[in-house]
Amino acid sequence: MTSEAIPVRIEKEKLIDESGEALFRCGFRIGGGIDQDPGKSPHGYTDKGIYVTGIHEGTPASRSGLKIHDKLLQVNGHDFTLVTHKEACDYIAKYPVLNALVARKE
């Protein structure tokens, strides 16, 4: 089985919540991280990488070409191969545009 590195650009959507606060939605969930036990992964991941575990329909992530089980290698040039789950979530939440490099098994 081979894997290829694929660039993905996600431009978050700006939404306004009920209190009038701006929120930016990208539309995907992640799992994994160096602080997680891959042996307990419900998806069968064998390493401590950050993986896409869900994508919501009609969101920037679904339109970008991102796929479930893609492994995030970099986001905006930041190395995602040695980050905790929380570090990955915080980094993704920080930026309105995500330029990611993902590994995808074909």
PDB file of N, CA and C in Angstrom:
ATOM      1  N   MET A   1       0.852  -1.181   0.000  1.00  0.00           N
ATOM      2  CA  MET A   1       0.000   0.000   0.000  1.00  0.00           C
ATOM      3  C   MET A   1       0.892   1.238   0.000  1.00  0.00           C
ATOM      4  N   THR A   2       0.622   2.171  -0.899  1.00  0.00           N
ATOM      5  CA  THR A   2       1.422   3.391  -0.982  1.00  0.00           C
ATOM      6  C   THR A   2       0.659   4.570  -0.404  1.00  0.00           C
ATOM      7  N   SER A   3       1.416   5.608  -0.110  1.00  0.00           N
ATOM      8  CA  SER A   3       0.841   6.820   0.451  1.00  0.00           C
ATOM      9  C   SER A   3       1.416   7.996  -0.316  1.00  0.00           C
ATOM     10  N   GLU A   4       0.577   9.005  -0.569  1.00  0.00           N
ATOM     11  CA  GLU A   4       1.084  10.195  -1.237  1.00  0.00           C
ATOM     12  C   GLU A   4       0.763  11.429  -0.414  1.00  0.00           C
ATOM     13  N   ALA A   5       1.599  12.453  -0.538  1.00  0.00           N
ATOM     14  CA  ALA A   5       1.389  13.719   0.172  1.00  0.00           C
ATOM     15  C   ALA A   5       0.604  14.653  -0.747  1.00  0.00           C
ATOM     16  N   ILE A   6      -0.474  15.201  -0.205  1.00  0.00           N
ATOM     17  CA  ILE A   6      -1.394  16.010  -0.993  1.00  0.00           C
ATOM     18  C   ILE A   6      -1.620  17.353  -0.298  1.00  0.00           C
ATOM     19  N   PRO A   7      -1.482  18.477  -1.025  1.00  0.00           N
ATOM     20  CA  PRO A   7      -1.800  19.782  -0.431  1.00  0.00           C
ATOM     21  C   PRO A   7      -3.312  20.006  -0.431  1.00  0.00           C
ATOM     22  N   VAL A   8      -3.822  20.548   0.673  1.00  0.00           N
ATOM     23  CA  VAL A   8      -5.250  20.852   0.811  1.00  0.00           C
ATOM     24  C   VAL A   8      -5.379  22.246   1.418  1.00  0.00           C
ATOM     25  N   ARG A   9      -6.225  23.075   0.816  1.00  0.00           N
ATOM     26  CA  ARG A   9      -6.461  24.438   1.335  1.00  0.00           C
ATOM     27  C   ARG A   9      -7.903  24.530   1.813  1.00  0.00           C
ATOM     28  N   ILE A  10      -8.068  24.932   3.079  1.00  0.00           N
ATOM     29  CA  ILE A  10      -9.396  25.074   3.667  1.00  0.00           C
ATOM     30  C   ILE A  10      -9.565  26.521   4.121  1.00  0.00           C
ATOM     31  N   GLU A  11     -10.502  27.221   3.512  1.00  0.00           N
ATOM     32  CA  GLU A  11     -10.836  28.593   3.916  1.00  0.00           C
ATOM     33  C   GLU A  11     -12.092  28.509   4.771  1.00  0.00           C
ATOM     34  N   LYS A  12     -11.957  28.787   6.046  1.00  0.00           N
ATOM     35  CA  LYS A  12     -13.073  28.649   6.986  1.00  0.00           C
ATOM     36  C   LYS A  12     -14.210  29.615   6.660  1.00  0.00           C
ATOM     37  N   GLU A  13     -15.429  29.193   6.997  1.00  0.00           N
ATOM     38  CA  GLU A  13     -16.613  30.033   6.845  1.00  0.00           C
ATOM     39  C   GLU A  13     -16.821  30.838   8.116  1.00  0.00           C
ATOM     40  N   LYS A  14     -17.153  32.098   7.944  1.00  0.00           N
ATOM     41  CA  LYS A  14     -17.440  32.951   9.100  1.00  0.00           C
ATOM     42  C   LYS A  14     -18.931  32.862   9.413  1.00  0.00           C
ATOM     43  N   LEU A  15     -19.243  32.522  10.647  1.00  0.00           N
ATOM     44  CA  LEU A  15     -20.620  32.448  11.119  1.00  0.00           C
ATOM     45  C   LEU A  15     -20.770  33.365  12.314  1.00  0.00           C
ATOM     46  N   ILE A  16     -21.974  33.826  12.561  1.00  0.00           N
ATOM     47  CA  ILE A  16     -22.263  34.646  13.734  1.00  0.00           C
ATOM     48  C   ILE A  16     -23.177  33.835  14.653  1.00  0.00           C
ATOM     49  N   ASP A  17     -22.758  33.654  15.910  1.00  0.00           N
ATOM     50  CA  ASP A  17     -23.587  32.884  16.847  1.00  0.00           C
ATOM     51  C   ASP A  17     -24.697  33.758  17.425  1.00  0.00           C
ATOM     52  N   GLU A  18     -25.533  33.149  18.270  1.00  0.00           N
ATOM     53  CA  GLU A  18     -26.701  33.863  18.812  1.00  0.00           C
ATOM     54  C   GLU A  18     -26.337  35.074  19.660  1.00  0.00           C
ATOM     55  N   SER A  19     -25.110  35.118  20.194  1.00  0.00           N
ATOM     56  CA  SER A  19     -24.694  36.270  20.993  1.00  0.00           C
ATOM     57  C   SER A  19     -24.008  37.345  20.147  1.00  0.00           C
ATOM     58  N   GLY A  20     -23.948  37.115  18.814  1.00  0.00           N
ATOM     59  CA  GLY A  20     -23.342  38.094  17.919  1.00  0.00           C
ATOM     60  C   GLY A  20     -21.844  37.924  17.744  1.00  0.00           C
ATOM     61  N   GLU A  21     -21.298  36.872  18.306  1.00  0.00           N
ATOM     62  CA  GLU A  21     -19.868  36.602  18.213  1.00  0.00           C
ATOM     63  C   GLU A  21     -19.533  35.855  16.913  1.00  0.00           C
ATOM     64  N   ALA A  22     -18.419  36.230  16.298  1.00  0.00           N
ATOM     65  CA  ALA A  22     -17.991  35.581  15.059  1.00  0.00           C
ATOM     66  C   ALA A  22     -17.335  34.241  15.363  1.00  0.00           C
ATOM     67  N   LEU A  23     -17.709  33.235  14.596  1.00  0.00           N
ATOM     68  CA  LEU A  23     -17.109  31.904  14.681  1.00  0.00           C
ATOM     69  C   LEU A  23     -16.620  31.524  13.295  1.00  0.00           C
ATOM     70  N   PHE A  24     -15.558  30.745  13.236  1.00  0.00           N
ATOM     71  CA  PHE A  24     -15.043  30.289  11.953  1.00  0.00           C
ATOM     72  C   PHE A  24     -15.131  28.769  11.921  1.00  0.00           C
ATOM     73  N   ARG A  25     -15.823  28.247  10.915  1.00  0.00           N
ATOM     74  CA  ARG A  25     -16.083  26.814  10.813  1.00  0.00           C
ATOM     75  C   ARG A  25     -15.302  26.226   9.654  1.00  0.00           C
ATOM     76  N   CYS A  26     -14.614  25.108   9.946  1.00  0.00           N
ATOM     77  CA  CYS A  26     -13.927  24.401   8.869  1.00  0.00           C
ATOM     78  C   CYS A  26     -14.625  23.084   8.539  1.00  0.00           C
ATOM     79  N   GLY A  27     -15.227  22.422   9.513  1.00  0.00           N
ATOM     80  CA  GLY A  27     -16.071  21.272   9.224  1.00  0.00           C
ATOM     81  C   GLY A  27     -15.433  19.906   9.254  1.00  0.00           C
ATOM     82  N   PHE A  28     -14.377  19.735  10.064  1.00  0.00           N
ATOM     83  CA  PHE A  28     -13.831  18.391  10.208  1.00  0.00           C
ATOM     84  C   PHE A  28     -13.403  18.126  11.642  1.00  0.00           C
ATOM     85  N   ARG A  29     -13.328  16.833  11.987  1.00  0.00           N
ATOM     86  CA  ARG A  29     -12.876  16.404  13.308  1.00  0.00           C
ATOM     87  C   ARG A  29     -11.552  15.659  13.148  1.00  0.00           C
ATOM     88  N   ILE A  30     -10.760  15.704  14.220  1.00  0.00           N
ATOM     89  CA  ILE A  30      -9.485  14.992  14.196  1.00  0.00           C
ATOM     90  C   ILE A  30      -9.395  14.042  15.384  1.00  0.00           C
ATOM     91  N   GLY A  31      -8.511  13.081  15.253  1.00  0.00           N
ATOM     92  CA  GLY A  31      -8.180  12.170  16.339  1.00  0.00           C
ATOM     93  C   GLY A  31      -6.688  11.924  16.328  1.00  0.00           C
ATOM     94  N   GLY A  32      -6.179  11.394  17.428  1.00  0.00           N
ATOM     95  CA  GLY A  32      -4.764  11.060  17.519  1.00  0.00           C
ATOM     96  C   GLY A  32      -3.958  12.137  18.203  1.00  0.00           C
ATOM     97  N   GLY A  33      -2.653  11.972  18.140  1.00  0.00           N
ATOM     98  CA  GLY A  33      -1.709  12.880  18.772  1.00  0.00           C
ATOM     99  C   GLY A  33      -0.700  12.097  19.585  1.00  0.00           C
ATOM    100  N   ILE A  34       0.419  12.739  19.915  1.00  0.00           N
ATOM    101  CA  ILE A  34       1.481  12.029  20.630  1.00  0.00           C
ATOM    102  C   ILE A  34       1.081  11.672  22.049  1.00  0.00           C
ATOM    103  N   ASP A  35       0.000  12.264  22.546  1.00  0.00           N
ATOM    104  CA  ASP A  35      -0.477  11.960  23.892  1.00  0.00           C
ATOM    105  C   ASP A  35      -1.565  10.881  23.896  1.00  0.00           C
ATOM    106  N   GLN A  36      -1.866  10.310  22.742  1.00  0.00           N
ATOM    107  CA  GLN A  36      -2.923   9.306  22.620  1.00  0.00           C
ATOM    108  C   GLN A  36      -2.316   7.912  22.403  1.00  0.00           C
ATOM    109  N   ASP A  37      -3.033   6.887  22.815  1.00  0.00           N
ATOM    110  CA  ASP A  37      -2.603   5.503  22.623  1.00  0.00           C
ATOM    111  C   ASP A  37      -3.215   4.983  21.326  1.00  0.00           C
ATOM    112  N   PRO A  38      -2.403   4.772  20.275  1.00  0.00           N
ATOM    113  CA  PRO A  38      -2.969   4.309  19.006  1.00  0.00           C
ATOM    114  C   PRO A  38      -3.628   2.932  19.128  1.00  0.00           C
ATOM    115  N   GLY A  39      -3.268   2.152  20.136  1.00  0.00           N
ATOM    116  CA  GLY A  39      -3.893   0.848  20.357  1.00  0.00           C
ATOM    117  C   GLY A  39      -5.362   0.958  20.726  1.00  0.00           C
ATOM    118  N   LYS A  40      -5.783   2.140  21.171  1.00  0.00           N
ATOM    119  CA  LYS A  40      -7.185   2.363  21.548  1.00  0.00           C
ATOM    120  C   LYS A  40      -7.961   3.110  20.468  1.00  0.00           C
ATOM    121  N   SER A  41      -7.353   3.319  19.321  1.00  0.00           N
ATOM    122  CA  SER A  41      -8.007   4.042  18.234  1.00  0.00           C
ATOM    123  C   SER A  41      -9.167   3.225  17.670  1.00  0.00           C
ATOM    124  N   PRO A  42     -10.373   3.796  17.645  1.00  0.00           N
ATOM    125  CA  PRO A  42     -11.497   3.065  17.064  1.00  0.00           C
ATOM    126  C   PRO A  42     -11.377   2.930  15.541  1.00  0.00           C
ATOM    127  N   HIS A  43     -10.464   3.687  14.941  1.00  0.00           N
ATOM    128  CA  HIS A  43     -10.283   3.662  13.491  1.00  0.00           C
ATOM    129  C   HIS A  43      -9.118   2.776  13.055  1.00  0.00           C
ATOM    130  N   GLY A  44      -8.385   2.205  14.015  1.00  0.00           N
ATOM    131  CA  GLY A  44      -7.283   1.306  13.695  1.00  0.00           C
ATOM    132  C   GLY A  44      -5.997   1.979  13.279  1.00  0.00           C
ATOM    133  N   TYR A  45      -5.810   3.257  13.642  1.00  0.00           N
ATOM    134  CA  TYR A  45      -4.558   3.929  13.300  1.00  0.00           C
ATOM    135  C   TYR A  45      -3.428   3.291  14.097  1.00  0.00           C
ATOM    136  N   THR A  46      -2.283   3.144  13.462  1.00  0.00           N
ATOM    137  CA  THR A  46      -1.173   2.415  14.087  1.00  0.00           C
ATOM    138  C   THR A  46      -0.073   3.319  14.621  1.00  0.00           C
ATOM    139  N   ASP A  47      -0.233   4.630  14.474  1.00  0.00           N
ATOM    140  CA  ASP A  47       0.789   5.538  15.004  1.00  0.00           C
ATOM    141  C   ASP A  47       0.115   6.707  15.721  1.00  0.00           C
ATOM    142  N   LYS A  48       0.911   7.638  16.212  1.00  0.00           N
ATOM    143  CA  LYS A  48       0.406   8.752  17.024  1.00  0.00           C
ATOM    144  C   LYS A  48       0.198  10.026  16.203  1.00  0.00           C
ATOM    145  N   GLY A  49      -0.029   9.869  14.913  1.00  0.00           N
ATOM    146  CA  GLY A  49      -0.281  11.020  14.049  1.00  0.00           C
ATOM    147  C   GLY A  49      -1.648  11.627  14.302  1.00  0.00           C
ATOM    148  N   ILE A  50      -1.882  12.773  13.677  1.00  0.00           N
ATOM    149  CA  ILE A  50      -3.175  13.454  13.725  1.00  0.00           C
ATOM    150  C   ILE A  50      -3.937  13.068  12.457  1.00  0.00           C
ATOM    151  N   TYR A  51      -5.103  12.463  12.646  1.00  0.00           N
ATOM    152  CA  TYR A  51      -5.904  11.956  11.531  1.00  0.00           C
ATOM    153  C   TYR A  51      -7.258  12.644  11.463  1.00  0.00           C
ATOM    154  N   VAL A  52      -7.787  12.775  10.257  1.00  0.00           N
ATOM    155  CA  VAL A  52      -9.143  13.286  10.047  1.00  0.00           C
ATOM    156  C   VAL A  52     -10.102  12.131  10.321  1.00  0.00           C
ATOM    157  N   THR A  53     -10.979  12.307  11.307  1.00  0.00           N
ATOM    158  CA  THR A  53     -11.908  11.239  11.689  1.00  0.00           C
ATOM    159  C   THR A  53     -13.346  11.513  11.260  1.00  0.00           C
ATOM    160  N   GLY A  54     -13.623  12.720  10.795  1.00  0.00           N
ATOM    161  CA  GLY A  54     -14.964  13.040  10.323  1.00  0.00           C
ATOM    162  C   GLY A  54     -14.979  14.333   9.543  1.00  0.00           C
ATOM    163  N   ILE A  55     -15.872  14.388   8.546  1.00  0.00           N
ATOM    164  CA  ILE A  55     -16.040  15.592   7.736  1.00  0.00           C
ATOM    165  C   ILE A  55     -17.531  15.845   7.595  1.00  0.00           C
ATOM    166  N   HIS A  56     -17.950  17.061   7.889  1.00  0.00           N
ATOM    167  CA  HIS A  56     -19.360  17.438   7.783  1.00  0.00           C
ATOM    168  C   HIS A  56     -19.663  17.873   6.344  1.00  0.00           C
ATOM    169  N   GLU A  57     -20.782  17.408   5.826  1.00  0.00           N
ATOM    170  CA  GLU A  57     -21.211  17.762   4.469  1.00  0.00           C
ATOM    171  C   GLU A  57     -21.465  19.261   4.352  1.00  0.00           C
ATOM    172  N   GLY A  58     -21.148  19.799   3.180  1.00  0.00           N
ATOM    173  CA  GLY A  58     -21.437  21.202   2.897  1.00  0.00           C
ATOM    174  C   GLY A  58     -20.549  22.197   3.616  1.00  0.00           C
ATOM    175  N   THR A  59     -19.394  21.764   4.107  1.00  0.00           N
ATOM    176  CA  THR A  59     -18.478  22.643   4.834  1.00  0.00           C
ATOM    177  C   THR A  59     -17.223  22.899   3.993  1.00  0.00           C
ATOM    178  N   PRO A  60     -16.416  23.869   4.396  1.00  0.00           N
ATOM    179  CA  PRO A  60     -15.170  24.104   3.672  1.00  0.00           C
ATOM    180  C   PRO A  60     -14.297  22.842   3.580  1.00  0.00           C
ATOM    181  N   ALA A  61     -14.264  22.031   4.624  1.00  0.00           N
ATOM    182  CA  ALA A  61     -13.452  20.806   4.584  1.00  0.00           C
ATOM    183  C   ALA A  61     -13.950  19.841   3.510  1.00  0.00           C
ATOM    184  N   SER A  62     -15.264  19.692   3.399  1.00  0.00           N
ATOM    185  CA  SER A  62     -15.798  18.763   2.396  1.00  0.00           C
ATOM    186  C   SER A  62     -15.542  19.272   0.975  1.00  0.00           C
ATOM    187  N   ARG A  63     -15.557  20.580   0.788  1.00  0.00           N
ATOM    188  CA  ARG A  63     -15.310  21.151  -0.539  1.00  0.00           C
ATOM    189  C   ARG A  63     -13.823  21.176  -0.896  1.00  0.00           C
ATOM    190  N   SER A  64     -12.951  21.091   0.099  1.00  0.00           N
ATOM    191  CA  SER A  64     -11.507  21.208  -0.137  1.00  0.00           C
ATOM    192  C   SER A  64     -10.875  19.933  -0.694  1.00  0.00           C
ATOM    193  N   GLY A  65     -11.578  18.820  -0.571  1.00  0.00           N
ATOM    194  CA  GLY A  65     -10.999  17.551  -0.996  1.00  0.00           C
ATOM    195  C   GLY A  65     -10.401  16.756   0.146  1.00  0.00           C
ATOM    196  N   LEU A  66     -10.464  17.277   1.357  1.00  0.00           N
ATOM    197  CA  LEU A  66     -10.000  16.541   2.531  1.00  0.00           C
ATOM    198  C   LEU A  66     -10.836  15.274   2.670  1.00  0.00           C
ATOM    199  N   LYS A  67     -10.219  14.174   3.109  1.00  0.00           N
ATOM    200  CA  LYS A  67     -10.938  12.907   3.241  1.00  0.00           C
ATOM    201  C   LYS A  67     -10.735  12.307   4.621  1.00  0.00           C
ATOM    202  N   ILE A  68     -11.730  11.533   5.044  1.00  0.00           N
ATOM    203  CA  ILE A  68     -11.602  10.796   6.301  1.00  0.00           C
ATOM    204  C   ILE A  68     -10.393   9.871   6.189  1.00  0.00           C
ATOM    205  N   HIS A  69      -9.638   9.774   7.256  1.00  0.00           N
ATOM    206  CA  HIS A  69      -8.405   8.982   7.398  1.00  0.00           C
ATOM    207  C   HIS A  69      -7.174   9.664   6.816  1.00  0.00           C
ATOM    208  N   ASP A  70      -7.320  10.895   6.272  1.00  0.00           N
ATOM    209  CA  ASP A  70      -6.121  11.637   5.884  1.00  0.00           C
ATOM    210  C   ASP A  70      -5.314  11.917   7.146  1.00  0.00           C
ATOM    211  N   LYS A  71      -4.005  11.839   7.035  1.00  0.00           N
ATOM    212  CA  LYS A  71      -3.102  12.137   8.156  1.00  0.00           C
ATOM    213  C   LYS A  71      -2.528  13.531   7.924  1.00  0.00           C
ATOM    214  N   LEU A  72      -2.714  14.433   8.913  1.00  0.00           N
ATOM    215  CA  LEU A  72      -2.187  15.790   8.792  1.00  0.00           C
ATOM    216  C   LEU A  72      -0.687  15.784   9.089  1.00  0.00           C
ATOM    217  N   LEU A  73       0.111  16.144   8.097  1.00  0.00           N
ATOM    218  CA  LEU A  73       1.565  16.211   8.262  1.00  0.00           C
ATOM    219  C   LEU A  73       2.002  17.622   8.645  1.00  0.00           C
ATOM    220  N   GLN A  74       1.376  18.618   8.011  1.00  0.00           N
ATOM    221  CA  GLN A  74       1.673  20.029   8.271  1.00  0.00           C
ATOM    222  C   GLN A  74       0.397  20.841   8.124  1.00  0.00           C
ATOM    223  N   VAL A  75       0.313  21.922   8.872  1.00  0.00           N
ATOM    224  CA  VAL A  75      -0.747  22.912   8.682  1.00  0.00           C
ATOM    225  C   VAL A  75      -0.076  24.277   8.745  1.00  0.00           C
ATOM    226  N   ASN A  76      -0.224  25.041   7.675  1.00  0.00           N
ATOM    227  CA  ASN A  76       0.405  26.369   7.551  1.00  0.00           C
ATOM    228  C   ASN A  76       1.899  26.304   7.854  1.00  0.00           C
ATOM    229  N   GLY A  77       2.546  25.233   7.407  1.00  0.00           N
ATOM    230  CA  GLY A  77       3.977  25.055   7.594  1.00  0.00           C
ATOM    231  C   GLY A  77       4.383  24.517   8.955  1.00  0.00           C
ATOM    232  N   HIS A  78       3.425  24.353   9.863  1.00  0.00           N
ATOM    233  CA  HIS A  78       3.709  23.845  11.211  1.00  0.00           C
ATOM    234  C   HIS A  78       3.671  22.317  11.199  1.00  0.00           C
ATOM    235  N   ASP A  79       4.723  21.689  11.703  1.00  0.00           N
ATOM    236  CA  ASP A  79       4.838  20.229  11.744  1.00  0.00           C
ATOM    237  C   ASP A  79       3.767  19.627  12.655  1.00  0.00           C
ATOM    238  N   PHE A  80       2.942  18.743  12.108  1.00  0.00           N
ATOM    239  CA  PHE A  80       1.895  18.077  12.889  1.00  0.00           C
ATOM    240  C   PHE A  80       2.267  16.633  13.226  1.00  0.00           C
ATOM    241  N   THR A  81       3.485  16.221  12.975  1.00  0.00           N
ATOM    242  CA  THR A  81       3.854  14.820  13.242  1.00  0.00           C
ATOM    243  C   THR A  81       4.189  14.573  14.701  1.00  0.00           C
ATOM    244  N   LEU A  82       4.456  15.624  15.480  1.00  0.00           N
ATOM    245  CA  LEU A  82       4.816  15.457  16.894  1.00  0.00           C
ATOM    246  C   LEU A  82       4.051  16.430  17.781  1.00  0.00           C
ATOM    247  N   VAL A  83       2.717  16.463  17.634  1.00  0.00           N
ATOM    248  CA  VAL A  83       1.897  17.353  18.449  1.00  0.00           C
ATOM    249  C   VAL A  83       0.876  16.534  19.235  1.00  0.00           C
ATOM    250  N   THR A  84       0.442  17.108  20.362  1.00  0.00           N
ATOM    251  CA  THR A  84      -0.632  16.484  21.134  1.00  0.00           C
ATOM    252  C   THR A  84      -1.964  16.777  20.448  1.00  0.00           C
ATOM    253  N   HIS A  85      -2.992  16.076  20.858  1.00  0.00           N
ATOM    254  CA  HIS A  85      -4.320  16.313  20.294  1.00  0.00           C
ATOM    255  C   HIS A  85      -4.760  17.760  20.552  1.00  0.00           C
ATOM    256  N   LYS A  86      -4.570  18.234  21.768  1.00  0.00           N
ATOM    257  CA  LYS A  86      -4.975  19.606  22.115  1.00  0.00           C
ATOM    258  C   LYS A  86      -4.178  20.642  21.318  1.00  0.00           C
ATOM    259  N   GLU A  87      -2.874  20.426  21.170  1.00  0.00           N
ATOM    260  CA  GLU A  87      -2.064  21.358  20.381  1.00  0.00           C
ATOM    261  C   GLU A  87      -2.586  21.442  18.945  1.00  0.00           C
ATOM    262  N   ALA A  88      -2.939  20.307  18.369  1.00  0.00           N
ATOM    263  CA  ALA A  88      -3.468  20.287  17.005  1.00  0.00           C
ATOM    264  C   ALA A  88      -4.792  21.045  16.933  1.00  0.00           C
ATOM    265  N   CYS A  89      -5.697  20.783  17.866  1.00  0.00           N
ATOM    266  CA  CYS A  89      -7.001  21.472  17.888  1.00  0.00           C
ATOM    267  C   CYS A  89      -6.815  22.974  18.031  1.00  0.00           C
ATOM    268  N   ASP A  90      -5.967  23.388  18.962  1.00  0.00           N
ATOM    269  CA  ASP A  90      -5.733  24.814  19.197  1.00  0.00           C
ATOM    270  C   ASP A  90      -5.138  25.486  17.967  1.00  0.00           C
ATOM    271  N   TYR A  91      -4.206  24.821  17.299  1.00  0.00           N
ATOM    272  CA  TYR A  91      -3.563  25.396  16.124  1.00  0.00           C
ATOM    273  C   TYR A  91      -4.568  25.547  14.984  1.00  0.00           C
ATOM    274  N   ILE A  92      -5.384  24.525  14.759  1.00  0.00           N
ATOM    275  CA  ILE A  92      -6.396  24.564  13.699  1.00  0.00           C
ATOM    276  C   ILE A  92      -7.405  25.679  13.963  1.00  0.00           C
ATOM    277  N   ALA A  93      -7.796  25.859  15.218  1.00  0.00           N
ATOM    278  CA  ALA A  93      -8.788  26.875  15.576  1.00  0.00           C
ATOM    279  C   ALA A  93      -8.261  28.297  15.402  1.00  0.00           C
ATOM    280  N   LYS A  94      -6.950  28.465  15.431  1.00  0.00           N
ATOM    281  CA  LYS A  94      -6.326  29.787  15.452  1.00  0.00           C
ATOM    282  C   LYS A  94      -6.379  30.534  14.116  1.00  0.00           C
ATOM    283  N   TYR A  95      -6.415  29.826  12.994  1.00  0.00           N
ATOM    284  CA  TYR A  95      -6.248  30.460  11.690  1.00  0.00           C
ATOM    285  C   TYR A  95      -7.493  30.361  10.817  1.00  0.00           C
ATOM    286  N   PRO A  96      -7.834  31.431  10.079  1.00  0.00           N
ATOM    287  CA  PRO A  96      -9.006  31.392   9.197  1.00  0.00           C
ATOM    288  C   PRO A  96      -8.779  30.600   7.905  1.00  0.00           C
ATOM    289  N   VAL A  97      -7.524  30.416   7.527  1.00  0.00           N
ATOM    290  CA  VAL A  97      -7.182  29.622   6.345  1.00  0.00           C
ATOM    291  C   VAL A  97      -6.172  28.566   6.773  1.00  0.00           C
ATOM    292  N   LEU A  98      -6.428  27.320   6.358  1.00  0.00           N
ATOM    293  CA  LEU A  98      -5.523  26.216   6.672  1.00  0.00           C
ATOM    294  C   LEU A  98      -4.939  25.672   5.375  1.00  0.00           C
ATOM    295  N   ASN A  99      -3.630  25.776   5.244  1.00  0.00           N
ATOM    296  CA  ASN A  99      -2.925  25.158   4.129  1.00  0.00           C
ATOM    297  C   ASN A  99      -2.259  23.915   4.689  1.00  0.00           C
ATOM    298  N   ALA A 100      -2.865  22.774   4.403  1.00  0.00           N
ATOM    299  CA  ALA A 100      -2.409  21.521   4.998  1.00  0.00           C
ATOM    300  C   ALA A 100      -1.718  20.640   3.971  1.00  0.00           C
ATOM    301  N   LEU A 101      -0.804  19.850   4.474  1.00  0.00           N
ATOM    302  CA  LEU A 101      -0.188  18.784   3.682  1.00  0.00           C
ATOM    303  C   LEU A 101      -0.632  17.495   4.355  1.00  0.00           C
ATOM    304  N   VAL A 102      -1.325  16.636   3.629  1.00  0.00           N
ATOM    305  CA  VAL A 102      -1.849  15.405   4.190  1.00  0.00           C
ATOM    306  C   VAL A 102      -1.257  14.193   3.496  1.00  0.00           C
ATOM    307  N   ALA A 103      -1.146  13.118   4.258  1.00  0.00           N
ATOM    308  CA  ALA A 103      -0.765  11.827   3.683  1.00  0.00           C
ATOM    309  C   ALA A 103      -2.046  11.041   3.502  1.00  0.00           C
ATOM    310  N   ARG A 104      -2.187  10.436   2.327  1.00  0.00           N
ATOM    311  CA  ARG A 104      -3.381   9.664   2.023  1.00  0.00           C
ATOM    312  C   ARG A 104      -2.952   8.321   1.439  1.00  0.00           C
ATOM    313  N   LYS A 105      -3.444   7.256   2.016  1.00  0.00           N
ATOM    314  CA  LYS A 105      -3.161   5.929   1.489  1.00  0.00           C
ATOM    315  C   LYS A 105      -4.077   5.666   0.298  1.00  0.00           C
ATOM    316  N   GLU A 106      -3.498   5.183  -0.770  1.00  0.00           N
ATOM    317  CA  GLU A 106      -4.278   4.891  -1.979  1.00  0.00           C
ATOM    318  C   GLU A 106      -4.353   3.404  -2.206  1.00  0.00           C
TER     319      GLU A 106
END
